[in-house]
């Protein structure tokens, strides 16, 4: 008979897997090739923003964006939105503000 795992360990592993899944979606969007075409890049930008919003609004209070999430999001905004655009500035500013509020701002994120 197999041993029953500790429920807390299972919950932690599930949370880590969910966090990894969200971050993978963010990364897939952030690394959309520059030559993918306007429609693909617009879709990637939309999904990037919606994914971070979904992660922020998770009903599971233990699941939310982490340092990696913010780093990928900011990199994605820099890559997907035109330099100087209002959307890019607003998203990066709000991402950095939220990152600061949650205590995740590091040089790695700031340098993005």
Foldseek 3Di string as FASTA:
>chain_A
DDDDDDPVVVVVVVLVVVQVVLLVLLQVLLPDDPPPDDVSLVVSLVSNVVSQVCQCVPPPPVTHHALSSLQSSLSSLVRRDDPPDPVSVVSNVVSVVVCVVVPNDDVSSVVD
